């Protein structure tokens, strides 16, 4: 979800008048920092649990189901301790 927003912002910046300069540097840095955000389980679970995003944590439906199942297992494991 975040990467889609940044990709849209990147296209807008490139099409706009600021084709060179700080905007491209910022977008490149954001892409570098957030490229793994949907790959790492900790970020996926945090987004899943954030009420602002509800069921929009992952693009592929299978990844969302895996995140839900993983979170449920983690809660059960913590509850048993």
PDB file of N, CA and C in Angstrom:
ATOM      1  N   UNK A   1       0.825  -1.187   0.000  1.00  0.00           N
ATOM      2  CA  UNK A   1       0.000   0.000   0.000  1.00  0.00           C
ATOM      3  C   UNK A   1       0.867   1.248   0.000  1.00  0.00           C
ATOM      4  N   UNK A   2       1.878   1.279   0.873  1.00  0.00           N
ATOM      5  CA  UNK A   2       2.766   2.433   0.913  1.00  0.00           C
ATOM      6  C   UNK A   2       3.528   2.593  -0.388  1.00  0.00           C
ATOM      7  N   UNK A   3       4.017   1.473  -0.915  1.00  0.00           N
ATOM      8  CA  UNK A   3       4.790   1.551  -2.146  1.00  0.00           C
ATOM      9  C   UNK A   3       3.930   2.052  -3.307  1.00  0.00           C
ATOM     10  N   UNK A   4       2.661   1.703  -3.322  1.00  0.00           N
ATOM     11  CA  UNK A   4       1.770   2.186  -4.381  1.00  0.00           C
ATOM     12  C   UNK A   4       1.605   3.697  -4.279  1.00  0.00           C
ATOM     13  N   UNK A   5       1.489   4.211  -3.048  1.00  0.00           N
ATOM     14  CA  UNK A   5       1.369   5.654  -2.847  1.00  0.00           C
ATOM     15  C   UNK A   5       2.626   6.373  -3.303  1.00  0.00           C
ATOM     16  N   UNK A   6       3.781   5.808  -2.961  1.00  0.00           N
ATOM     17  CA  UNK A   6       5.041   6.438  -3.355  1.00  0.00           C
ATOM     18  C   UNK A   6       5.254   6.353  -4.858  1.00  0.00           C
ATOM     19  N   UNK A   7       4.821   5.264  -5.481  1.00  0.00           N
ATOM     20  CA  UNK A   7       4.949   5.146  -6.934  1.00  0.00           C
ATOM     21  C   UNK A   7       4.094   6.199  -7.623  1.00  0.00           C
ATOM     22  N   UNK A   8       2.903   6.454  -7.100  1.00  0.00           N
ATOM     23  CA  UNK A   8       2.034   7.491  -7.649  1.00  0.00           C
ATOM     24  C   UNK A   8       2.677   8.859  -7.474  1.00  0.00           C
ATOM     25  N   UNK A   9       3.239   9.100  -6.302  1.00  0.00           N
ATOM     26  CA  UNK A   9       3.913  10.373  -6.048  1.00  0.00           C
ATOM     27  C   UNK A   9       5.118  10.536  -6.964  1.00  0.00           C
ATOM     28  N   UNK A  10       5.818   9.458  -7.209  1.00  0.00           N
ATOM     29  CA  UNK A  10       6.986   9.507  -8.085  1.00  0.00           C
ATOM     30  C   UNK A  10       6.578   9.863  -9.514  1.00  0.00           C
ATOM     31  N   UNK A  11       5.516   9.231 -10.010  1.00  0.00           N
ATOM     32  CA  UNK A  11       5.040   9.552 -11.363  1.00  0.00           C
ATOM     33  C   UNK A  11       4.604  11.005 -11.453  1.00  0.00           C
ATOM     34  N   UNK A  12       3.930  11.493 -10.420  1.00  0.00           N
ATOM     35  CA  UNK A  12       3.474  12.876 -10.405  1.00  0.00           C
ATOM     36  C   UNK A  12       4.658  13.829 -10.416  1.00  0.00           C
ATOM     37  N   UNK A  13       5.680  13.535  -9.637  1.00  0.00           N
ATOM     38  CA  UNK A  13       6.860  14.401  -9.574  1.00  0.00           C
ATOM     39  C   UNK A  13       7.596  14.424 -10.899  1.00  0.00           C
ATOM     40  N   UNK A  14       7.683  13.270 -11.549  1.00  0.00           N
ATOM     41  CA  UNK A  14       8.385  13.208 -12.824  1.00  0.00           C
ATOM     42  C   UNK A  14       7.613  13.974 -13.892  1.00  0.00           C
ATOM     43  N   UNK A  15       6.291  13.861 -13.873  1.00  0.00           N
ATOM     44  CA  UNK A  15       5.477  14.544 -14.871  1.00  0.00           C
ATOM     45  C   UNK A  15       5.398  16.040 -14.603  1.00  0.00           C
ATOM     46  N   UNK A  16       5.607  16.430 -13.369  1.00  0.00           N
ATOM     47  CA  UNK A  16       5.512  17.839 -13.000  1.00  0.00           C
ATOM     48  C   UNK A  16       6.727  18.629 -13.420  1.00  0.00           C
ATOM     49  N   UNK A  17       6.778  19.836 -12.956  1.00  0.00           N
ATOM     50  CA  UNK A  17       7.862  20.727 -13.339  1.00  0.00           C
ATOM     51  C   UNK A  17       9.159  20.433 -12.592  1.00  0.00           C
ATOM     52  N   UNK A  18       9.091  19.679 -11.522  1.00  0.00           N
ATOM     53  CA  UNK A  18      10.285  19.393 -10.731  1.00  0.00           C
ATOM     54  C   UNK A  18      10.900  18.063 -11.163  1.00  0.00           C
ATOM     55  N   UNK A  19      11.349  17.980 -12.401  1.00  0.00           N
ATOM     56  CA  UNK A  19      11.905  16.729 -12.909  1.00  0.00           C
ATOM     57  C   UNK A  19      13.278  16.445 -12.327  1.00  0.00           C
ATOM     58  N   UNK A  20      13.963  17.465 -11.890  1.00  0.00           N
ATOM     59  CA  UNK A  20      15.280  17.293 -11.298  1.00  0.00           C
ATOM     60  C   UNK A  20      15.277  17.973  -9.938  1.00  0.00           C
ATOM     61  N   UNK A  21      16.166  17.558  -9.097  1.00  0.00           N
ATOM     62  CA  UNK A  21      16.332  18.243  -7.835  1.00  0.00           C
ATOM     63  C   UNK A  21      15.896  17.435  -6.640  1.00  0.00           C
ATOM     64  N   UNK A  22      15.540  18.133  -5.590  1.00  0.00           N
ATOM     65  CA  UNK A  22      15.259  17.486  -4.305  1.00  0.00           C
ATOM     66  C   UNK A  22      14.111  16.489  -4.323  1.00  0.00           C
ATOM     67  N   UNK A  23      13.098  16.727  -5.139  1.00  0.00           N
ATOM     68  CA  UNK A  23      11.948  15.817  -5.128  1.00  0.00           C
ATOM     69  C   UNK A  23      12.349  14.409  -5.561  1.00  0.00           C
ATOM     70  N   UNK A  24      13.198  14.299  -6.592  1.00  0.00           N
ATOM     71  CA  UNK A  24      13.640  12.974  -7.023  1.00  0.00           C
ATOM     72  C   UNK A  24      14.529  12.319  -5.982  1.00  0.00           C
ATOM     73  N   UNK A  25      15.347  13.106  -5.305  1.00  0.00           N
ATOM     74  CA  UNK A  25      16.185  12.547  -4.251  1.00  0.00           C
ATOM     75  C   UNK A  25      15.346  12.017  -3.099  1.00  0.00           C
ATOM     76  N   UNK A  26      14.321  12.760  -2.736  1.00  0.00           N
ATOM     77  CA  UNK A  26      13.430  12.329  -1.656  1.00  0.00           C
ATOM     78  C   UNK A  26      12.698  11.056  -2.051  1.00  0.00           C
ATOM     79  N   UNK A  27      12.152  11.008  -3.261  1.00  0.00           N
ATOM     80  CA  UNK A  27      11.426   9.820  -3.714  1.00  0.00           C
ATOM     81  C   UNK A  27      12.341   8.610  -3.820  1.00  0.00           C
ATOM     82  N   UNK A  28      13.554   8.806  -4.287  1.00  0.00           N
ATOM     83  CA  UNK A  28      14.500   7.694  -4.370  1.00  0.00           C
ATOM     84  C   UNK A  28      14.832   7.171  -2.979  1.00  0.00           C
ATOM     85  N   UNK A  29      14.995   8.076  -2.029  1.00  0.00           N
ATOM     86  CA  UNK A  29      15.288   7.678  -0.653  1.00  0.00           C
ATOM     87  C   UNK A  29      14.096   6.943  -0.033  1.00  0.00           C
ATOM     88  N   UNK A  30      12.883   7.414  -0.278  1.00  0.00           N
ATOM     89  CA  UNK A  30      11.690   6.737   0.236  1.00  0.00           C
ATOM     90  C   UNK A  30      11.561   5.340  -0.357  1.00  0.00           C
ATOM     91  N   UNK A  31      11.815   5.223  -1.665  1.00  0.00           N
ATOM     92  CA  UNK A  31      11.763   3.903  -2.289  1.00  0.00           C
ATOM     93  C   UNK A  31      12.785   2.968  -1.669  1.00  0.00           C
ATOM     94  N   UNK A  32      13.976   3.476  -1.424  1.00  0.00           N
ATOM     95  CA  UNK A  32      15.033   2.665  -0.820  1.00  0.00           C
ATOM     96  C   UNK A  32      14.647   2.215   0.587  1.00  0.00           C
ATOM     97  N   UNK A  33      14.083   3.118   1.375  1.00  0.00           N
ATOM     98  CA  UNK A  33      13.746   2.812   2.766  1.00  0.00           C
ATOM     99  C   UNK A  33      12.529   1.911   2.904  1.00  0.00           C
ATOM    100  N   UNK A  34      11.571   2.022   2.008  1.00  0.00           N
ATOM    101  CA  UNK A  34      10.311   1.303   2.159  1.00  0.00           C
ATOM    102  C   UNK A  34      10.128   0.145   1.188  1.00  0.00           C
ATOM    103  N   UNK A  35      11.152  -0.227   0.432  1.00  0.00           N
ATOM    104  CA  UNK A  35      10.973  -1.291  -0.536  1.00  0.00           C
ATOM    105  C   UNK A  35      10.705  -2.644   0.122  1.00  0.00           C
ATOM    106  N   UNK A  36      11.122  -2.828   1.350  1.00  0.00           N
ATOM    107  CA  UNK A  36      10.939  -4.098   2.050  1.00  0.00           C
ATOM    108  C   UNK A  36       9.746  -4.083   3.007  1.00  0.00           C
ATOM    109  N   UNK A  37       8.972  -3.018   3.001  1.00  0.00           N
ATOM    110  CA  UNK A  37       7.922  -2.865   4.005  1.00  0.00           C
ATOM    111  C   UNK A  37       6.857  -3.955   3.920  1.00  0.00           C
ATOM    112  N   UNK A  38       6.547  -4.452   2.739  1.00  0.00           N
ATOM    113  CA  UNK A  38       5.541  -5.507   2.618  1.00  0.00           C
ATOM    114  C   UNK A  38       6.146  -6.898   2.700  1.00  0.00           C
ATOM    115  N   UNK A  39       7.455  -6.990   2.750  1.00  0.00           N
ATOM    116  CA  UNK A  39       8.124  -8.282   2.805  1.00  0.00           C
ATOM    117  C   UNK A  39       8.363  -8.715   4.251  1.00  0.00           C
ATOM    118  N   UNK A  40       8.672  -7.774   5.107  1.00  0.00           N
ATOM    119  CA  UNK A  40       8.978  -8.085   6.501  1.00  0.00           C
ATOM    120  C   UNK A  40       7.694  -8.285   7.299  1.00  0.00           C
ATOM    121  N   UNK A  41       7.612  -9.398   8.006  1.00  0.00           N
ATOM    122  CA  UNK A  41       6.387  -9.735   8.753  1.00  0.00           C
ATOM    123  C   UNK A  41       6.037  -8.716   9.812  1.00  0.00           C
ATOM    124  N   UNK A  42       7.016  -8.124  10.454  1.00  0.00           N
ATOM    125  CA  UNK A  42       6.720  -7.186  11.527  1.00  0.00           C
ATOM    126  C   UNK A  42       5.948  -5.973  10.996  1.00  0.00           C
ATOM    127  N   UNK A  43       6.303  -5.484   9.818  1.00  0.00           N
ATOM    128  CA  UNK A  43       5.585  -4.348   9.241  1.00  0.00           C
ATOM    129  C   UNK A  43       4.201  -4.761   8.751  1.00  0.00           C
ATOM    130  N   UNK A  44       4.116  -5.948   8.177  1.00  0.00           N
ATOM    131  CA  UNK A  44       2.826  -6.438   7.695  1.00  0.00           C
ATOM    132  C   UNK A  44       1.845  -6.592   8.851  1.00  0.00           C
ATOM    133  N   UNK A  45       2.315  -7.176   9.944  1.00  0.00           N
ATOM    134  CA  UNK A  45       1.439  -7.362  11.108  1.00  0.00           C
ATOM    135  C   UNK A  45       1.071  -6.034  11.750  1.00  0.00           C
ATOM    136  N   UNK A  46       2.017  -5.124  11.829  1.00  0.00           N
ATOM    137  CA  UNK A  46       1.727  -3.811  12.419  1.00  0.00           C
ATOM    138  C   UNK A  46       0.672  -3.073  11.594  1.00  0.00           C
ATOM    139  N   UNK A  47       0.782  -3.141  10.280  1.00  0.00           N
ATOM    140  CA  UNK A  47      -0.204  -2.502   9.414  1.00  0.00           C
ATOM    141  C   UNK A  47      -1.553  -3.184   9.533  1.00  0.00           C
ATOM    142  N   UNK A  48      -1.547  -4.509   9.637  1.00  0.00           N
ATOM    143  CA  UNK A  48      -2.783  -5.267   9.795  1.00  0.00           C
ATOM    144  C   UNK A  48      -3.509  -4.874  11.079  1.00  0.00           C
ATOM    145  N   UNK A  49      -2.765  -4.653  12.142  1.00  0.00           N
ATOM    146  CA  UNK A  49      -3.367  -4.320  13.434  1.00  0.00           C
ATOM    147  C   UNK A  49      -3.735  -2.840  13.569  1.00  0.00           C
ATOM    148  N   UNK A  50      -3.251  -2.019  12.671  1.00  0.00           N
ATOM    149  CA  UNK A  50      -3.546  -0.582  12.717  1.00  0.00           C
ATOM    150  C   UNK A  50      -4.974  -0.351  12.217  1.00  0.00           C
ATOM    151  N   UNK A  51      -5.848   0.187  13.041  1.00  0.00           N
ATOM    152  CA  UNK A  51      -7.252   0.353  12.632  1.00  0.00           C
ATOM    153  C   UNK A  51      -7.444   1.326  11.463  1.00  0.00           C
ATOM    154  N   UNK A  52      -6.476   2.175  11.178  1.00  0.00           N
ATOM    155  CA  UNK A  52      -6.609   3.102  10.059  1.00  0.00           C
ATOM    156  C   UNK A  52      -6.569   2.384   8.717  1.00  0.00           C
ATOM    157  N   UNK A  53      -5.918   1.220   8.666  1.00  0.00           N
ATOM    158  CA  UNK A  53      -5.750   0.521   7.408  1.00  0.00           C
ATOM    159  C   UNK A  53      -6.648  -0.699   7.274  1.00  0.00           C
ATOM    160  N   UNK A  54      -7.230  -1.127   8.381  1.00  0.00           N
ATOM    161  CA  UNK A  54      -8.161  -2.263   8.420  1.00  0.00           C
ATOM    162  C   UNK A  54      -7.643  -3.438   7.605  1.00  0.00           C
ATOM    163  N   UNK A  55      -8.261  -3.750   6.489  1.00  0.00           N
ATOM    164  CA  UNK A  55      -7.880  -4.921   5.690  1.00  0.00           C
ATOM    165  C   UNK A  55      -7.037  -4.560   4.474  1.00  0.00           C
ATOM    166  N   UNK A  56      -6.342  -3.454   4.518  1.00  0.00           N
ATOM    167  CA  UNK A  56      -5.551  -3.014   3.377  1.00  0.00           C
ATOM    168  C   UNK A  56      -4.056  -3.211   3.608  1.00  0.00           C
ATOM    169  N   UNK A  57      -3.678  -4.204   4.389  1.00  0.00           N
ATOM    170  CA  UNK A  57      -2.271  -4.343   4.772  1.00  0.00           C
ATOM    171  C   UNK A  57      -1.383  -4.839   3.652  1.00  0.00           C
ATOM    172  N   UNK A  58      -1.913  -5.632   2.734  1.00  0.00           N
ATOM    173  CA  UNK A  58      -1.081  -6.233   1.691  1.00  0.00           C
ATOM    174  C   UNK A  58      -1.810  -6.193   0.362  1.00  0.00           C
ATOM    175  N   UNK A  59      -1.039  -6.106  -0.689  1.00  0.00           N
ATOM    176  CA  UNK A  59      -1.654  -6.128  -2.019  1.00  0.00           C
ATOM    177  C   UNK A  59      -2.177  -7.508  -2.385  1.00  0.00           C
ATOM    178  N   UNK A  60      -1.360  -8.546  -2.401  1.00  0.00           N
ATOM    179  CA  UNK A  60      -1.946  -9.848  -2.748  1.00  0.00           C
ATOM    180  C   UNK A  60      -2.791 -10.389  -1.595  1.00  0.00           C
ATOM    181  N   UNK A  61      -3.946 -10.911  -1.942  1.00  0.00           N
ATOM    182  CA  UNK A  61      -4.869 -11.450  -0.928  1.00  0.00           C
ATOM    183  C   UNK A  61      -4.221 -12.580  -0.136  1.00  0.00           C
ATOM    184  N   UNK A  62      -3.405 -13.391  -0.790  1.00  0.00           N
ATOM    185  CA  UNK A  62      -2.753 -14.510  -0.096  1.00  0.00           C
ATOM    186  C   UNK A  62      -1.807 -14.009   0.993  1.00  0.00           C
ATOM    187  N   UNK A  63      -1.131 -12.907   0.746  1.00  0.00           N
ATOM    188  CA  UNK A  63      -0.225 -12.342   1.749  1.00  0.00           C
ATOM    189  C   UNK A  63      -1.012 -11.808   2.943  1.00  0.00           C
ATOM    190  N   UNK A  64      -2.180 -11.232   2.674  1.00  0.00           N
ATOM    191  CA  UNK A  64      -3.022 -10.733   3.758  1.00  0.00           C
ATOM    192  C   UNK A  64      -3.518 -11.891   4.620  1.00  0.00           C
ATOM    193  N   UNK A  65      -3.945 -12.974   3.987  1.00  0.00           N
ATOM    194  CA  UNK A  65      -4.417 -14.140   4.739  1.00  0.00           C
ATOM    195  C   UNK A  65      -3.288 -14.749   5.559  1.00  0.00           C
ATOM    196  N   UNK A  66      -2.094 -14.792   4.996  1.00  0.00           N
ATOM    197  CA  UNK A  66      -0.938 -15.325   5.728  1.00  0.00           C
ATOM    198  C   UNK A  66      -0.607 -14.430   6.928  1.00  0.00           C
ATOM    199  N   UNK A  67      -0.722 -13.122   6.772  1.00  0.00           N
ATOM    200  CA  UNK A  67      -0.456 -12.199   7.879  1.00  0.00           C
ATOM    201  C   UNK A  67      -1.490 -12.373   8.984  1.00  0.00           C
ATOM    202  N   UNK A  68      -2.739 -12.558   8.615  1.00  0.00           N
ATOM    203  CA  UNK A  68      -3.795 -12.769   9.609  1.00  0.00           C
ATOM    204  C   UNK A  68      -3.559 -14.067  10.362  1.00  0.00           C
ATOM    205  N   UNK A  69      -3.250 -15.134   9.625  1.00  0.00           N
ATOM    206  CA  UNK A  69      -3.001 -16.435  10.256  1.00  0.00           C
ATOM    207  C   UNK A  69      -1.779 -16.365  11.174  1.00  0.00           C
ATOM    208  N   UNK A  70      -0.729 -15.709  10.720  1.00  0.00           N
ATOM    209  CA  UNK A  70       0.466 -15.564  11.542  1.00  0.00           C
ATOM    210  C   UNK A  70       0.204 -14.768  12.806  1.00  0.00           C
ATOM    211  N   UNK A  71      -0.591 -13.724  12.692  1.00  0.00           N
ATOM    212  CA  UNK A  71      -0.931 -12.914  13.863  1.00  0.00           C
ATOM    213  C   UNK A  71      -1.776 -13.703  14.850  1.00  0.00           C
ATOM    214  N   UNK A  72      -2.717 -14.481  14.335  1.00  0.00           N
ATOM    215  CA  UNK A  72      -3.544 -15.313  15.215  1.00  0.00           C
ATOM    216  C   UNK A  72      -2.690 -16.339  15.959  1.00  0.00           C
ATOM    217  N   UNK A  73      -1.753 -16.964  15.265  1.00  0.00           N
ATOM    218  CA  UNK A  73      -0.857 -17.922  15.915  1.00  0.00           C
ATOM    219  C   UNK A  73       0.003 -17.251  16.986  1.00  0.00           C
ATOM    220  N   UNK A  74       0.478 -16.069  16.687  1.00  0.00           N
ATOM    221  CA  UNK A  74       1.304 -15.334  17.650  1.00  0.00           C
ATOM    222  C   UNK A  74       0.501 -14.978  18.900  1.00  0.00           C
ATOM    223  N   UNK A  75      -0.749 -14.552  18.723  1.00  0.00           N
ATOM    224  CA  UNK A  75      -1.597 -14.224  19.871  1.00  0.00           C
ATOM    225  C   UNK A  75      -1.870 -15.474  20.705  1.00  0.00           C
ATOM    226  N   UNK A  76      -2.173 -16.595  20.050  1.00  0.00           N
ATOM    227  CA  UNK A  76      -2.398 -17.851  20.788  1.00  0.00           C
ATOM    228  C   UNK A  76      -1.160 -18.270  21.559  1.00  0.00           C
ATOM    229  N   UNK A  77       0.008 -18.136  20.911  1.00  0.00           N
ATOM    230  CA  UNK A  77       1.250 -18.505  21.556  1.00  0.00           C
ATOM    231  C   UNK A  77       1.521 -17.622  22.771  1.00  0.00           C
ATOM    232  N   UNK A  78       1.275 -16.344  22.650  1.00  0.00           N
ATOM    233  CA  UNK A  78       1.491 -15.429  23.776  1.00  0.00           C
ATOM    234  C   UNK A  78       0.478 -15.669  24.889  1.00  0.00           C
ATOM    235  N   UNK A  79      -0.735 -16.037  24.514  1.00  0.00           N
ATOM    236  CA  UNK A  79      -1.780 -16.271  25.512  1.00  0.00           C
ATOM    237  C   UNK A  79      -1.490 -17.535  26.323  1.00  0.00           C
ATOM    238  N   UNK A  80      -0.845 -18.518  25.716  1.00  0.00           N
ATOM    239  CA  UNK A  80      -0.547 -19.773  26.400  1.00  0.00           C
ATOM    240  C   UNK A  80       0.590 -19.644  27.414  1.00  0.00           C
ATOM    241  N   UNK A  81       1.396 -18.614  27.284  1.00  0.00           N
ATOM    242  CA  UNK A  81       2.539 -18.464  28.199  1.00  0.00           C
ATOM    243  C   UNK A  81       2.124 -18.018  29.564  1.00  0.00           C
TER     244      UNK A  81
END
